């Protein structure tokens, strides 16, 4: 009980500092244990759509352990979110008991996936496309843009005319989607210790931490949430450098995701207009310098706008899909109400 009382008095800053430190330690564990996987024989790389880290000859047990572990982790996380929404339903400065349980559950499944990797190796990648893992994280980022439209706007602080019901639905149910994106991507990969895997696992641990802090002030800390959005720029850029070298496509990832920050994300941080103009100028200057040094100034605009255009287009598509779903649900409810002879609200 004393320990639980202590968690209730944690400040958001201390909670997040401890969580980031724990995520770094877990990443270090992956690195240390990953040396044991050096002898695993894998098939030659077959291109961008090929995921390299999967067994040439999977078995029933390699598949079953990966999918069973993922399913158990996913159901447990969804159950905790449902419990918090229906039984707790209030924000706290520190941690609710259910947050402590969520953190313990995630830690337990991280340990389970580590053991599963070292005994059976394969993750979900054996059976699903690499684009499903990448797409799940992109979808998470797009939903955040949709959710935050009213508060920080979409373009230079100006919101898109998205329906209140659409945004409210995204806010209410985003936890289920975000937990799927994090848990699915976590179990997609074996716990390998390559540089790209380590960066990715650190990011996944941060997302699992965020998912465990529902209904706390730490969960909604603005600098923390925008840092999670920006971490994808770090991850995407470093992985691009590692896979294709300094002459590869890393500027597209770096300046593409930073472009979303300049256009949208920085406008929700309470920065003065002067600071925002300076950040925008620094961004444009960095784009010009990097592409000039690469001798590709003509290609700069086409590359740096690619990721923002995709994300903003997906916001519109997602908003439309949510609106269609809400409309369909309203029609079904209205029909059922009329069949029962009750007045339609």
C-alpha atoms as a PDB file:
ATOM      1  CA  UNK A   1       0.000   0.000   0.000  1.00  0.00           C
ATOM      2  CA  UNK A   2       2.851   2.409   0.773  1.00  0.00           C
ATOM      3  CA  UNK A   3       4.315   1.808  -2.652  1.00  0.00           C
ATOM      4  CA  UNK A   4       0.951   2.404  -4.301  1.00  0.00           C
ATOM      5  CA  UNK A   5       0.512   5.620  -2.325  1.00  0.00           C
ATOM      6  CA  UNK A   6       3.951   6.735  -3.528  1.00  0.00           C
ATOM      7  CA  UNK A   7       2.977   6.212  -7.175  1.00  0.00           C
ATOM      8  CA  UNK A   8      -0.087   8.392  -6.667  1.00  0.00           C
ATOM      9  CA  UNK A   9       2.115  11.340  -5.685  1.00  0.00           C
ATOM     10  CA  UNK A  10       4.471  11.088  -8.669  1.00  0.00           C
ATOM     11  CA  UNK A  11       4.661  14.277 -10.696  1.00  0.00           C
ATOM     12  CA  UNK A  12       4.227  13.975 -14.479  1.00  0.00           C
ATOM     13  CA  UNK A  13       7.857  15.013 -15.041  1.00  0.00           C
ATOM     14  CA  UNK A  14       9.194  12.388 -12.628  1.00  0.00           C
ATOM     15  CA  UNK A  15       6.902   9.729 -14.066  1.00  0.00           C
ATOM     16  CA  UNK A  16       8.133  10.391 -17.591  1.00  0.00           C
ATOM     17  CA  UNK A  17      11.787  10.609 -16.529  1.00  0.00           C
ATOM     18  CA  UNK A  18      11.550   7.218 -14.831  1.00  0.00           C
ATOM     19  CA  UNK A  19       9.719   5.774 -17.826  1.00  0.00           C
ATOM     20  CA  UNK A  20      12.288   7.012 -20.346  1.00  0.00           C
ATOM     21  CA  UNK A  21      15.115   5.688 -18.154  1.00  0.00           C
ATOM     22  CA  UNK A  22      13.399   2.295 -17.928  1.00  0.00           C
ATOM     23  CA  UNK A  23      12.931   2.268 -21.724  1.00  0.00           C
ATOM     24  CA  UNK A  24      16.645   2.958 -22.182  1.00  0.00           C
ATOM     25  CA  UNK A  25      17.535   0.125 -19.780  1.00  0.00           C
ATOM     26  CA  UNK A  26      15.242  -2.273 -21.637  1.00  0.00           C
ATOM     27  CA  UNK A  27      16.881  -1.260 -24.915  1.00  0.00           C
ATOM     28  CA  UNK A  28      20.246  -1.979 -23.327  1.00  0.00           C
ATOM     29  CA  UNK A  29      18.954  -5.428 -22.358  1.00  0.00           C
ATOM     30  CA  UNK A  30      17.986  -6.098 -25.966  1.00  0.00           C
ATOM     31  CA  UNK A  31      21.483  -5.071 -27.058  1.00  0.00           C
ATOM     32  CA  UNK A  32      23.249  -7.279 -24.514  1.00  0.00           C
ATOM     33  CA  UNK A  33      21.151 -10.373 -25.176  1.00  0.00           C
ATOM     34  CA  UNK A  34      21.104  -9.806 -28.924  1.00  0.00           C
ATOM     35  CA  UNK A  35      24.651 -11.108 -29.241  1.00  0.00           C
ATOM     36  CA  UNK A  36      23.288 -14.615 -28.689  1.00  0.00           C
ATOM     37  CA  UNK A  37      21.359 -14.340 -31.978  1.00  0.00           C
ATOM     38  CA  UNK A  38      24.439 -13.809 -34.143  1.00  0.00           C
ATOM     39  CA  UNK A  39      24.474 -17.456 -35.245  1.00  0.00           C
ATOM     40  CA  UNK A  40      20.941 -17.440 -36.694  1.00  0.00           C
ATOM     41  CA  UNK A  41      21.102 -18.173 -40.434  1.00  0.00           C
ATOM     42  CA  UNK A  42      18.822 -15.987 -42.538  1.00  0.00           C
ATOM     43  CA  UNK A  43      17.980 -15.760 -46.219  1.00  0.00           C
ATOM     44  CA  UNK A  44      19.682 -13.137 -48.426  1.00  0.00           C
ATOM     45  CA  UNK A  45      18.060  -9.718 -48.582  1.00  0.00           C
ATOM     46  CA  UNK A  46      15.570  -9.539 -51.446  1.00  0.00           C
ATOM     47  CA  UNK A  47      14.742  -5.833 -51.620  1.00  0.00           C
ATOM     48  CA  UNK A  48      12.670  -3.104 -49.970  1.00  0.00           C
ATOM     49  CA  UNK A  49       9.564  -5.268 -49.484  1.00  0.00           C
ATOM     50  CA  UNK A  50      11.561  -8.097 -47.901  1.00  0.00           C
ATOM     51  CA  UNK A  51      11.938  -8.365 -44.145  1.00  0.00           C
ATOM     52  CA  UNK A  52      15.354  -9.892 -43.563  1.00  0.00           C
ATOM     53  CA  UNK A  53      15.048 -11.061 -39.939  1.00  0.00           C
ATOM     54  CA  UNK A  54      12.881 -14.165 -40.218  1.00  0.00           C
ATOM     55  CA  UNK A  55      13.690 -17.853 -40.297  1.00  0.00           C
ATOM     56  CA  UNK A  56      14.120 -19.569 -43.672  1.00  0.00           C
ATOM     57  CA  UNK A  57      12.052 -22.516 -42.419  1.00  0.00           C
ATOM     58  CA  UNK A  58       9.436 -21.519 -39.834  1.00  0.00           C
ATOM     59  CA  UNK A  59       7.698 -24.157 -37.775  1.00  0.00           C
ATOM     60  CA  UNK A  60       4.355 -24.452 -36.046  1.00  0.00           C
ATOM     61  CA  UNK A  61       5.981 -23.457 -32.755  1.00  0.00           C
ATOM     62  CA  UNK A  62       7.809 -20.415 -34.113  1.00  0.00           C
ATOM     63  CA  UNK A  63       4.535 -19.120 -35.529  1.00  0.00           C
ATOM     64  CA  UNK A  64       2.345 -20.145 -32.586  1.00  0.00           C
ATOM     65  CA  UNK A  65       4.555 -18.547 -29.919  1.00  0.00           C
ATOM     66  CA  UNK A  66       4.750 -15.254 -31.797  1.00  0.00           C
ATOM     67  CA  UNK A  67       1.029 -14.986 -32.546  1.00  0.00           C
ATOM     68  CA  UNK A  68      -0.086 -16.271 -29.136  1.00  0.00           C
ATOM     69  CA  UNK A  69       2.227 -13.830 -27.367  1.00  0.00           C
ATOM     70  CA  UNK A  70       0.970 -10.959 -29.489  1.00  0.00           C
ATOM     71  CA  UNK A  71      -2.694 -11.899 -29.010  1.00  0.00           C
ATOM     72  CA  UNK A  72      -2.337 -12.212 -25.229  1.00  0.00           C
ATOM     73  CA  UNK A  73      -0.490  -8.893 -25.004  1.00  0.00           C
ATOM     74  CA  UNK A  74      -3.074  -7.157 -27.186  1.00  0.00           C
ATOM     75  CA  UNK A  75      -6.121  -8.479 -25.349  1.00  0.00           C
ATOM     76  CA  UNK A  76      -4.582  -7.658 -21.964  1.00  0.00           C
ATOM     77  CA  UNK A  77      -3.812  -4.080 -23.028  1.00  0.00           C
ATOM     78  CA  UNK A  78      -7.274  -3.542 -24.517  1.00  0.00           C
ATOM     79  CA  UNK A  79      -8.836  -4.934 -21.349  1.00  0.00           C
ATOM     80  CA  UNK A  80      -6.915  -2.478 -19.198  1.00  0.00           C
ATOM     81  CA  UNK A  81      -7.961   0.449 -21.414  1.00  0.00           C
ATOM     82  CA  UNK A  82     -11.608  -0.637 -21.223  1.00  0.00           C
ATOM     83  CA  UNK A  83     -11.381  -0.978 -17.446  1.00  0.00           C
ATOM     84  CA  UNK A  84      -9.874   2.508 -17.130  1.00  0.00           C
ATOM     85  CA  UNK A  85     -12.536   4.071 -19.356  1.00  0.00           C
ATOM     86  CA  UNK A  86     -15.464   2.392 -17.615  1.00  0.00           C
ATOM     87  CA  UNK A  87     -14.297   2.158 -13.987  1.00  0.00           C
ATOM     88  CA  UNK A  88     -11.697   4.887 -13.390  1.00  0.00           C
ATOM     89  CA  UNK A  89     -12.791   7.664 -15.773  1.00  0.00           C
ATOM     90  CA  UNK A  90     -10.834  10.510 -14.178  1.00  0.00           C
ATOM     91  CA  UNK A  91      -7.406  12.019 -14.613  1.00  0.00           C
ATOM     92  CA  UNK A  92      -4.792  11.977 -11.853  1.00  0.00           C
ATOM     93  CA  UNK A  93      -1.503  13.776 -11.341  1.00  0.00           C
ATOM     94  CA  UNK A  94       0.208  10.549 -10.298  1.00  0.00           C
ATOM     95  CA  UNK A  95      -0.619   6.962 -11.254  1.00  0.00           C
ATOM     96  CA  UNK A  96      -3.849   5.062 -10.779  1.00  0.00           C
ATOM     97  CA  UNK A  97      -3.497   1.432  -9.653  1.00  0.00           C
ATOM     98  CA  UNK A  98      -4.520   0.396 -13.172  1.00  0.00           C
ATOM     99  CA  UNK A  99      -1.531   2.322 -14.562  1.00  0.00           C
ATOM    100  CA  UNK A 100       0.784   0.320 -12.323  1.00  0.00           C
ATOM    101  CA  UNK A 101      -0.845  -2.869 -13.577  1.00  0.00           C
ATOM    102  CA  UNK A 102      -0.475  -1.700 -17.195  1.00  0.00           C
ATOM    103  CA  UNK A 103       3.216  -0.974 -16.721  1.00  0.00           C
ATOM    104  CA  UNK A 104       3.719  -4.394 -15.131  1.00  0.00           C
ATOM    105  CA  UNK A 105       1.791  -6.115 -17.937  1.00  0.00           C
ATOM    106  CA  UNK A 106       3.901  -4.435 -20.602  1.00  0.00           C
ATOM    107  CA  UNK A 107       7.103  -5.270 -18.757  1.00  0.00           C
ATOM    108  CA  UNK A 108       5.993  -8.888 -18.491  1.00  0.00           C
ATOM    109  CA  UNK A 109       5.246  -9.174 -22.196  1.00  0.00           C
ATOM    110  CA  UNK A 110       8.547  -7.491 -23.084  1.00  0.00           C
ATOM    111  CA  UNK A 111      10.263 -10.205 -21.046  1.00  0.00           C
ATOM    112  CA  UNK A 112       8.094 -12.870 -22.713  1.00  0.00           C
ATOM    113  CA  UNK A 113       8.941 -11.651 -26.213  1.00  0.00           C
ATOM    114  CA  UNK A 114      12.623 -11.639 -25.299  1.00  0.00           C
ATOM    115  CA  UNK A 115      12.436 -15.275 -24.199  1.00  0.00           C
ATOM    116  CA  UNK A 116      10.317 -16.174 -27.237  1.00  0.00           C
ATOM    117  CA  UNK A 117      12.890 -14.635 -29.587  1.00  0.00           C
ATOM    118  CA  UNK A 118      15.783 -16.517 -28.046  1.00  0.00           C
ATOM    119  CA  UNK A 119      13.916 -19.831 -28.087  1.00  0.00           C
ATOM    120  CA  UNK A 120      11.995 -19.558 -31.390  1.00  0.00           C
ATOM    121  CA  UNK A 121      13.295 -16.325 -32.996  1.00  0.00           C
ATOM    122  CA  UNK A 122      10.478 -15.427 -35.381  1.00  0.00           C
ATOM    123  CA  UNK A 123       8.113 -12.520 -34.855  1.00  0.00           C
ATOM    124  CA  UNK A 124       4.938 -11.771 -36.765  1.00  0.00           C
ATOM    125  CA  UNK A 125       7.039 -10.736 -39.763  1.00  0.00           C
ATOM    126  CA  UNK A 126       7.043 -14.329 -40.981  1.00  0.00           C
ATOM    127  CA  UNK A 127       3.349 -14.084 -41.939  1.00  0.00           C
ATOM    128  CA  UNK A 128       2.568 -10.409 -42.643  1.00  0.00           C
ATOM    129  CA  UNK A 129       3.986  -7.679 -44.860  1.00  0.00           C
ATOM    130  CA  UNK A 130       6.677  -5.290 -43.690  1.00  0.00           C
ATOM    131  CA  UNK A 131       4.409  -2.463 -44.837  1.00  0.00           C
ATOM    132  CA  UNK A 132       1.816  -3.431 -42.223  1.00  0.00           C
ATOM    133  CA  UNK A 133       4.302  -2.670 -39.456  1.00  0.00           C
ATOM    134  CA  UNK A 134       5.350   0.636 -40.990  1.00  0.00           C
ATOM    135  CA  UNK A 135       1.751   1.531 -41.789  1.00  0.00           C
ATOM    136  CA  UNK A 136       0.577   0.968 -38.219  1.00  0.00           C
ATOM    137  CA  UNK A 137       2.936   3.673 -36.937  1.00  0.00           C
ATOM    138  CA  UNK A 138       1.970   6.053 -39.755  1.00  0.00           C
ATOM    139  CA  UNK A 139      -1.695   5.499 -38.871  1.00  0.00           C
ATOM    140  CA  UNK A 140      -0.929   6.354 -35.243  1.00  0.00           C
ATOM    141  CA  UNK A 141       0.687   9.641 -36.281  1.00  0.00           C
ATOM    142  CA  UNK A 142      -2.230  10.508 -38.561  1.00  0.00           C
ATOM    143  CA  UNK A 143      -4.783   9.898 -35.814  1.00  0.00           C
ATOM    144  CA  UNK A 144      -2.840  12.251 -33.532  1.00  0.00           C
ATOM    145  CA  UNK A 145      -3.082  14.963 -36.200  1.00  0.00           C
ATOM    146  CA  UNK A 146      -6.827  14.373 -36.377  1.00  0.00           C
ATOM    147  CA  UNK A 147      -7.289  14.381 -32.595  1.00  0.00           C
ATOM    148  CA  UNK A 148      -5.312  17.590 -32.110  1.00  0.00           C
ATOM    149  CA  UNK A 149      -6.943  19.516 -34.965  1.00  0.00           C
ATOM    150  CA  UNK A 150      -9.088  21.708 -32.696  1.00  0.00           C
ATOM    151  CA  UNK A 151      -6.328  22.480 -30.195  1.00  0.00           C
ATOM    152  CA  UNK A 152      -3.331  23.229 -32.403  1.00  0.00           C
ATOM    153  CA  UNK A 153      -4.808  23.368 -35.904  1.00  0.00           C
ATOM    154  CA  UNK A 154      -3.547  21.595 -38.993  1.00  0.00           C
ATOM    155  CA  UNK A 155      -1.729  24.339 -40.905  1.00  0.00           C
ATOM    156  CA  UNK A 156       0.045  27.165 -39.032  1.00  0.00           C
ATOM    157  CA  UNK A 157      -2.449  26.925 -36.188  1.00  0.00           C
ATOM    158  CA  UNK A 158      -5.530  26.968 -38.423  1.00  0.00           C
ATOM    159  CA  UNK A 159      -7.793  23.920 -37.947  1.00  0.00           C
ATOM    160  CA  UNK A 160      -9.454  21.978 -40.723  1.00  0.00           C
ATOM    161  CA  UNK A 161     -13.282  22.007 -40.684  1.00  0.00           C
ATOM    162  CA  UNK A 162     -13.558  18.505 -39.286  1.00  0.00           C
ATOM    163  CA  UNK A 163     -16.778  17.549 -37.525  1.00  0.00           C
ATOM    164  CA  UNK A 164     -16.752  17.626 -33.732  1.00  0.00           C
ATOM    165  CA  UNK A 165     -18.204  14.116 -33.603  1.00  0.00           C
ATOM    166  CA  UNK A 166     -15.356  12.800 -35.764  1.00  0.00           C
ATOM    167  CA  UNK A 167     -12.679  14.326 -33.535  1.00  0.00           C
ATOM    168  CA  UNK A 168     -14.468  13.259 -30.347  1.00  0.00           C
ATOM    169  CA  UNK A 169     -14.710   9.669 -31.614  1.00  0.00           C
ATOM    170  CA  UNK A 170     -10.992   9.664 -32.389  1.00  0.00           C
ATOM    171  CA  UNK A 171     -10.217  10.968 -28.911  1.00  0.00           C
ATOM    172  CA  UNK A 172     -12.467   8.445 -27.204  1.00  0.00           C
ATOM    173  CA  UNK A 173     -11.221   5.337 -28.997  1.00  0.00           C
ATOM    174  CA  UNK A 174      -7.663   6.243 -29.953  1.00  0.00           C
ATOM    175  CA  UNK A 175      -6.212   4.202 -27.085  1.00  0.00           C
ATOM    176  CA  UNK A 176      -7.366   0.941 -28.660  1.00  0.00           C
ATOM    177  CA  UNK A 177      -5.844   1.863 -32.016  1.00  0.00           C
ATOM    178  CA  UNK A 178      -2.605   3.160 -30.531  1.00  0.00           C
ATOM    179  CA  UNK A 179      -2.147   0.076 -28.383  1.00  0.00           C
ATOM    180  CA  UNK A 180      -2.653  -2.083 -31.465  1.00  0.00           C
ATOM    181  CA  UNK A 181      -0.051  -0.094 -33.414  1.00  0.00           C
ATOM    182  CA  UNK A 182       2.519  -0.361 -30.617  1.00  0.00           C
ATOM    183  CA  UNK A 183       1.884  -3.979 -29.628  1.00  0.00           C
ATOM    184  CA  UNK A 184       1.622  -5.226 -33.205  1.00  0.00           C
ATOM    185  CA  UNK A 185       4.849  -3.500 -34.254  1.00  0.00           C
ATOM    186  CA  UNK A 186       6.603  -4.720 -31.100  1.00  0.00           C
ATOM    187  CA  UNK A 187       5.744  -8.356 -31.837  1.00  0.00           C
ATOM    188  CA  UNK A 188       6.396  -7.961 -35.554  1.00  0.00           C
ATOM    189  CA  UNK A 189      10.173  -7.929 -34.983  1.00  0.00           C
ATOM    190  CA  UNK A 190      12.373 -10.454 -33.207  1.00  0.00           C
ATOM    191  CA  UNK A 191      14.390  -8.866 -30.412  1.00  0.00           C
ATOM    192  CA  UNK A 192      17.438  -8.367 -32.614  1.00  0.00           C
ATOM    193  CA  UNK A 193      20.234  -5.991 -31.619  1.00  0.00           C
ATOM    194  CA  UNK A 194      21.008  -4.234 -34.888  1.00  0.00           C
ATOM    195  CA  UNK A 195      21.172  -0.452 -34.695  1.00  0.00           C
ATOM    196  CA  UNK A 196      17.865  -0.119 -36.516  1.00  0.00           C
ATOM    197  CA  UNK A 197      16.151  -2.608 -34.208  1.00  0.00           C
ATOM    198  CA  UNK A 198      17.502  -0.931 -31.081  1.00  0.00           C
ATOM    199  CA  UNK A 199      16.251   2.498 -32.160  1.00  0.00           C
ATOM    200  CA  UNK A 200      12.899   0.983 -33.085  1.00  0.00           C
ATOM    201  CA  UNK A 201      12.528  -0.926 -29.827  1.00  0.00           C
ATOM    202  CA  UNK A 202      13.367   2.166 -27.809  1.00  0.00           C
ATOM    203  CA  UNK A 203      10.595   3.987 -29.670  1.00  0.00           C
ATOM    204  CA  UNK A 204       8.192   1.086 -29.078  1.00  0.00           C
ATOM    205  CA  UNK A 205       9.017   1.070 -25.369  1.00  0.00           C
ATOM    206  CA  UNK A 206       8.210   4.793 -25.232  1.00  0.00           C
ATOM    207  CA  UNK A 207       4.882   4.182 -26.979  1.00  0.00           C
ATOM    208  CA  UNK A 208       4.052   1.318 -24.615  1.00  0.00           C
ATOM    209  CA  UNK A 209       4.924   3.618 -21.722  1.00  0.00           C
ATOM    210  CA  UNK A 210       2.609   6.287 -23.106  1.00  0.00           C
ATOM    211  CA  UNK A 211      -0.150   3.726 -23.540  1.00  0.00           C
ATOM    212  CA  UNK A 212       0.250   2.630 -19.920  1.00  0.00           C
ATOM    213  CA  UNK A 213      -0.188   6.181 -18.597  1.00  0.00           C
ATOM    214  CA  UNK A 214      -3.809   6.662 -19.696  1.00  0.00           C
ATOM    215  CA  UNK A 215      -5.862   9.008 -17.505  1.00  0.00           C
ATOM    216  CA  UNK A 216      -2.751  10.664 -16.041  1.00  0.00           C
ATOM    217  CA  UNK A 217      -1.370  14.159 -16.520  1.00  0.00           C
ATOM    218  CA  UNK A 218       1.850  12.661 -17.836  1.00  0.00           C
ATOM    219  CA  UNK A 219      -0.126  11.118 -20.705  1.00  0.00           C
ATOM    220  CA  UNK A 220      -1.220  14.554 -21.947  1.00  0.00           C
ATOM    221  CA  UNK A 221       1.977  16.543 -21.290  1.00  0.00           C
ATOM    222  CA  UNK A 222       2.375  18.531 -24.514  1.00  0.00           C
ATOM    223  CA  UNK A 223       6.159  18.491 -24.840  1.00  0.00           C
ATOM    224  CA  UNK A 224       6.128  14.758 -24.135  1.00  0.00           C
ATOM    225  CA  UNK A 225       3.480  13.916 -26.714  1.00  0.00           C
ATOM    226  CA  UNK A 226       5.092  16.040 -29.426  1.00  0.00           C
ATOM    227  CA  UNK A 227       8.429  14.383 -28.603  1.00  0.00           C
ATOM    228  CA  UNK A 228       6.820  11.027 -29.342  1.00  0.00           C
ATOM    229  CA  UNK A 229       5.609  12.395 -32.662  1.00  0.00           C
ATOM    230  CA  UNK A 230       9.089  13.707 -33.490  1.00  0.00           C
ATOM    231  CA  UNK A 231      10.904  10.524 -32.510  1.00  0.00           C
ATOM    232  CA  UNK A 232       9.725   8.970 -35.755  1.00  0.00           C
ATOM    233  CA  UNK A 233      11.859  11.561 -37.584  1.00  0.00           C
ATOM    234  CA  UNK A 234      14.921  10.419 -35.645  1.00  0.00           C
ATOM    235  CA  UNK A 235      14.122   6.751 -36.215  1.00  0.00           C
ATOM    236  CA  UNK A 236      13.312   7.107 -39.906  1.00  0.00           C
ATOM    237  CA  UNK A 237      16.388   9.225 -40.611  1.00  0.00           C
ATOM    238  CA  UNK A 238      18.858   6.984 -38.783  1.00  0.00           C
ATOM    239  CA  UNK A 239      17.478   3.802 -40.313  1.00  0.00           C
ATOM    240  CA  UNK A 240      17.704   5.388 -43.781  1.00  0.00           C
ATOM    241  CA  UNK A 241      21.345   6.315 -43.151  1.00  0.00           C
ATOM    242  CA  UNK A 242      22.124   2.815 -41.876  1.00  0.00           C
ATOM    243  CA  UNK A 243      20.507   1.051 -44.808  1.00  0.00           C
ATOM    244  CA  UNK A 244      21.472   3.320 -47.719  1.00  0.00           C
ATOM    245  CA  UNK A 245      24.378   5.388 -46.410  1.00  0.00           C
ATOM    246  CA  UNK A 246      24.887   9.163 -46.283  1.00  0.00           C
ATOM    247  CA  UNK A 247      23.972   9.524 -49.954  1.00  0.00           C
ATOM    248  CA  UNK A 248      20.616   7.792 -49.485  1.00  0.00           C
ATOM    249  CA  UNK A 249      17.112   9.141 -48.965  1.00  0.00           C
ATOM    250  CA  UNK A 250      17.526  10.189 -45.328  1.00  0.00           C
ATOM    251  CA  UNK A 251      16.756  13.911 -46.034  1.00  0.00           C
ATOM    252  CA  UNK A 252      13.282  12.926 -47.223  1.00  0.00           C
ATOM    253  CA  UNK A 253      12.534  11.347 -43.841  1.00  0.00           C
ATOM    254  CA  UNK A 254      14.226  14.022 -41.748  1.00  0.00           C
ATOM    255  CA  UNK A 255      12.761  17.050 -43.485  1.00  0.00           C
ATOM    256  CA  UNK A 256       9.466  15.337 -44.259  1.00  0.00           C
ATOM    257  CA  UNK A 257       8.633  14.660 -40.619  1.00  0.00           C
ATOM    258  CA  UNK A 258      10.158  17.966 -39.484  1.00  0.00           C
ATOM    259  CA  UNK A 259       7.946  19.652 -42.075  1.00  0.00           C
ATOM    260  CA  UNK A 260       4.901  18.303 -40.254  1.00  0.00           C
ATOM    261  CA  UNK A 261       6.371  19.702 -37.033  1.00  0.00           C
ATOM    262  CA  UNK A 262       6.799  23.173 -38.548  1.00  0.00           C
ATOM    263  CA  UNK A 263       3.396  23.184 -40.238  1.00  0.00           C
ATOM    264  CA  UNK A 264       1.376  21.630 -37.414  1.00  0.00           C
ATOM    265  CA  UNK A 265       2.958  20.238 -34.284  1.00  0.00           C
ATOM    266  CA  UNK A 266       4.907  23.238 -33.004  1.00  0.00           C
ATOM    267  CA  UNK A 267       1.738  25.332 -32.954  1.00  0.00           C
ATOM    268  CA  UNK A 268       0.394  23.391 -29.969  1.00  0.00           C
ATOM    269  CA  UNK A 269       3.336  24.100 -27.663  1.00  0.00           C
ATOM    270  CA  UNK A 270       2.532  27.666 -26.639  1.00  0.00           C
ATOM    271  CA  UNK A 271       5.549  29.095 -28.444  1.00  0.00           C
ATOM    272  CA  UNK A 272       5.558  32.782 -29.333  1.00  0.00           C
ATOM    273  CA  UNK A 273       5.105  33.837 -32.944  1.00  0.00           C
ATOM    274  CA  UNK A 274       8.737  34.963 -33.052  1.00  0.00           C
ATOM    275  CA  UNK A 275      10.036  31.569 -31.950  1.00  0.00           C
ATOM    276  CA  UNK A 276       7.844  29.802 -34.477  1.00  0.00           C
ATOM    277  CA  UNK A 277       9.088  32.041 -37.285  1.00  0.00           C
ATOM    278  CA  UNK A 278      12.684  31.318 -36.248  1.00  0.00           C
ATOM    279  CA  UNK A 279      12.039  27.563 -36.258  1.00  0.00           C
ATOM    280  CA  UNK A 280      10.433  27.799 -39.689  1.00  0.00           C
ATOM    281  CA  UNK A 281      13.361  29.825 -41.023  1.00  0.00           C
ATOM    282  CA  UNK A 282      15.869  27.363 -39.551  1.00  0.00           C
ATOM    283  CA  UNK A 283      13.978  24.508 -41.193  1.00  0.00           C
ATOM    284  CA  UNK A 284      13.995  26.142 -44.638  1.00  0.00           C
ATOM    285  CA  UNK A 285      17.667  27.057 -44.248  1.00  0.00           C
ATOM    286  CA  UNK A 286      18.598  23.498 -43.306  1.00  0.00           C
ATOM    287  CA  UNK A 287      16.727  22.113 -46.325  1.00  0.00           C
ATOM    288  CA  UNK A 288      18.542  24.483 -48.682  1.00  0.00           C
ATOM    289  CA  UNK A 289      21.974  23.768 -47.190  1.00  0.00           C
ATOM    290  CA  UNK A 290      21.615  19.965 -47.132  1.00  0.00           C
ATOM    291  CA  UNK A 291      20.260  19.667 -50.658  1.00  0.00           C
ATOM    292  CA  UNK A 292      22.806  22.197 -51.967  1.00  0.00           C
ATOM    293  CA  UNK A 293      25.640  20.132 -50.503  1.00  0.00           C
ATOM    294  CA  UNK A 294      24.178  17.043 -52.147  1.00  0.00           C
ATOM    295  CA  UNK A 295      23.798  18.876 -55.453  1.00  0.00           C
ATOM    296  CA  UNK A 296      20.081  18.125 -55.497  1.00  0.00           C
ATOM    297  CA  UNK A 297      18.433  21.499 -54.924  1.00  0.00           C
ATOM    298  CA  UNK A 298      15.970  20.809 -57.723  1.00  0.00           C
ATOM    299  CA  UNK A 299      14.750  17.654 -55.985  1.00  0.00           C
ATOM    300  CA  UNK A 300      14.330  19.271 -52.559  1.00  0.00           C
ATOM    301  CA  UNK A 301      10.715  20.389 -52.836  1.00  0.00           C
ATOM    302  CA  UNK A 302       9.504  17.099 -54.288  1.00  0.00           C
ATOM    303  CA  UNK A 303      11.146  15.100 -51.515  1.00  0.00           C
ATOM    304  CA  UNK A 304      10.433  17.174 -48.435  1.00  0.00           C
ATOM    305  CA  UNK A 305       6.714  17.566 -49.174  1.00  0.00           C
ATOM    306  CA  UNK A 306       6.139  13.855 -49.838  1.00  0.00           C
ATOM    307  CA  UNK A 307       5.639  12.723 -46.241  1.00  0.00           C
ATOM    308  CA  UNK A 308       3.541  15.766 -45.176  1.00  0.00           C
ATOM    309  CA  UNK A 309       1.298  15.355 -48.215  1.00  0.00           C
ATOM    310  CA  UNK A 310       0.768  11.679 -47.412  1.00  0.00           C
ATOM    311  CA  UNK A 311      -0.025  12.377 -43.758  1.00  0.00           C
ATOM    312  CA  UNK A 312      -2.432  15.241 -44.467  1.00  0.00           C
ATOM    313  CA  UNK A 313      -4.169  13.277 -47.215  1.00  0.00           C
ATOM    314  CA  UNK A 314      -4.589  10.370 -44.799  1.00  0.00           C
ATOM    315  CA  UNK A 315      -6.113  12.727 -42.226  1.00  0.00           C
ATOM    316  CA  UNK A 316      -8.839  13.567 -44.741  1.00  0.00           C
ATOM    317  CA  UNK A 317      -9.386   9.930 -45.659  1.00  0.00           C
ATOM    318  CA  UNK A 318      -9.520   8.876 -42.022  1.00  0.00           C
ATOM    319  CA  UNK A 319     -11.929  11.673 -41.095  1.00  0.00           C
ATOM    320  CA  UNK A 320     -14.222  10.610 -43.933  1.00  0.00           C
ATOM    321  CA  UNK A 321     -14.107   6.965 -42.867  1.00  0.00           C
ATOM    322  CA  UNK A 322     -14.880   7.845 -39.237  1.00  0.00           C
ATOM    323  CA  UNK A 323     -17.776  10.061 -40.354  1.00  0.00           C
ATOM    324  CA  UNK A 324     -19.185   7.277 -42.535  1.00  0.00           C
ATOM    325  CA  UNK A 325     -18.896   4.811 -39.651  1.00  0.00           C
ATOM    326  CA  UNK A 326     -20.594   7.181 -37.209  1.00  0.00           C
ATOM    327  CA  UNK A 327     -23.366   7.827 -39.747  1.00  0.00           C
ATOM    328  CA  UNK A 328     -23.907   4.106 -40.256  1.00  0.00           C
ATOM    329  CA  UNK A 329     -24.063   3.502 -36.495  1.00  0.00           C
ATOM    330  CA  UNK A 330     -26.551   6.378 -36.090  1.00  0.00           C
ATOM    331  CA  UNK A 331     -28.785   4.942 -38.815  1.00  0.00           C
ATOM    332  CA  UNK A 332     -28.754   1.475 -37.255  1.00  0.00           C
ATOM    333  CA  UNK A 333     -29.591   2.882 -33.835  1.00  0.00           C
ATOM    334  CA  UNK A 334     -32.358   5.015 -35.295  1.00  0.00           C
ATOM    335  CA  UNK A 335     -33.882   2.026 -37.074  1.00  0.00           C
ATOM    336  CA  UNK A 336     -33.801  -0.060 -33.904  1.00  0.00           C
ATOM    337  CA  UNK A 337     -35.393   2.775 -31.946  1.00  0.00           C
ATOM    338  CA  UNK A 338     -38.229   3.084 -34.480  1.00  0.00           C
ATOM    339  CA  UNK A 339     -38.807  -0.679 -34.445  1.00  0.00           C
ATOM    340  CA  UNK A 340     -39.303  -0.490 -30.692  1.00  0.00           C
ATOM    341  CA  UNK A 341     -41.841   2.314 -31.112  1.00  0.00           C
ATOM    342  CA  UNK A 342     -39.705   4.856 -29.244  1.00  0.00           C
ATOM    343  CA  UNK A 343     -39.191   8.473 -30.335  1.00  0.00           C
ATOM    344  CA  UNK A 344     -35.951   9.020 -32.293  1.00  0.00           C
ATOM    345  CA  UNK A 345     -33.649  11.422 -30.370  1.00  0.00           C
END
